[in-house]
C-alpha cells in the first residue's frame, strides 16, 4: 500500500492557471537578471578596452623612466 503525503493532492483535471503575482514575479526576475548580465558584460568591456590599456601604458612609461634613471 502506498503512503499518501499529508498535503492535499493536486487535481489531475484542468491545469491551474498562474496568478498575476506569479507572472509579475517571473517577469521582474527575468528583467533583473538581464540587467545584471548587461552590467557584467559592460564591466568586462570597460576593463578590457578602457582600464587595461591605460594600466599597461602606465607600466610601460614607469619602466622606461626607471631605465633612464639607472
Protein backbone atom coordinates (compact mmCIF):
# COMPACT_ATOMS: atom_id res chain seq x y z
CA UNK A 1 0.00 0.00 0.00
CA UNK A 2 1.37 3.40 -0.96
CA UNK A 3 1.64 6.06 1.67
CA UNK A 4 -0.01 9.33 0.80
CA UNK A 5 1.54 12.63 1.80
CA UNK A 6 -0.44 14.70 4.29
CA UNK A 7 -0.64 17.51 1.74
CA UNK A 8 -3.64 17.77 -0.46
CA UNK A 9 -3.01 16.14 -3.82
CA UNK A 10 -3.16 18.34 -6.90
CA UNK A 11 -6.18 17.80 -9.05
CA UNK A 12 -5.47 15.85 -12.20
CA UNK A 13 -8.21 17.64 -14.11
CA UNK A 14 -7.68 21.09 -15.58
CA UNK A 15 -4.25 22.63 -15.00
CA UNK A 16 -4.24 25.54 -12.59
CA UNK A 17 -3.80 29.00 -14.10
CA UNK A 18 -0.80 31.05 -12.97
CA UNK A 19 -1.62 34.03 -10.80
CA UNK A 20 -0.91 37.61 -11.74
CA UNK A 21 1.55 37.88 -8.86
CA UNK A 22 3.39 34.80 -10.13
CA UNK A 23 3.66 36.16 -13.64
CA UNK A 24 4.82 39.55 -12.32
CA UNK A 25 7.47 37.81 -10.20
CA UNK A 26 8.84 35.84 -13.16
CA UNK A 27 8.89 38.95 -15.35
CA UNK A 28 10.63 41.01 -12.65
CA UNK A 29 13.28 38.33 -12.01
CA UNK A 30 13.91 37.99 -15.75
CA UNK A 31 14.33 41.76 -16.07
CA UNK A 32 16.68 41.92 -13.09
CA UNK A 33 18.73 39.03 -14.46
CA UNK A 34 19.01 40.72 -17.86
CA UNK A 35 20.16 43.97 -16.23
CA UNK A 36 22.68 42.05 -14.11
CA UNK A 37 24.11 40.34 -17.20
CA UNK A 38 24.24 43.68 -19.05
CA UNK A 39 26.19 45.19 -16.16
CA UNK A 40 28.64 42.29 -16.02
CA UNK A 41 29.30 42.45 -19.78
CA UNK A 42 29.71 46.25 -19.63
CA UNK A 43 32.19 45.91 -16.79
CA UNK A 44 34.17 43.33 -18.76
CA UNK A 45 34.40 45.55 -21.83
CA UNK A 46 35.26 48.63 -19.76
CA UNK A 47 38.09 46.80 -18.03
CA UNK A 48 39.39 45.24 -21.22
CA UNK A 49 39.25 48.24 -23.54
CA UNK A 50 39.48 51.24 -21.18
CA UNK A 51 41.31 50.44 -17.96
CA UNK A 52 43.69 47.68 -19.04
CA UNK A 53 45.29 49.70 -21.89
CA UNK A 54 45.78 52.68 -19.55
CA UNK A 55 47.34 50.44 -16.93
CA UNK A 56 49.67 48.82 -19.45
CA UNK A 57 50.79 52.17 -20.88
CA UNK A 58 51.40 53.49 -17.35
CA UNK A 59 53.54 50.44 -16.56
CA UNK A 60 55.50 50.88 -19.83
CA UNK A 61 56.18 54.54 -19.02
CA UNK A 62 57.25 53.65 -15.50
CA UNK A 63 59.67 51.00 -16.76
CA UNK A 64 61.17 53.37 -19.33
CA UNK A 65 61.62 56.06 -16.66
CA UNK A 66 63.41 53.56 -14.41
CA UNK A 67 65.78 52.62 -17.25
CA UNK A 68 66.60 56.27 -17.95
CA UNK A 69 67.41 56.93 -14.28
CA UNK A 70 69.71 53.92 -13.98
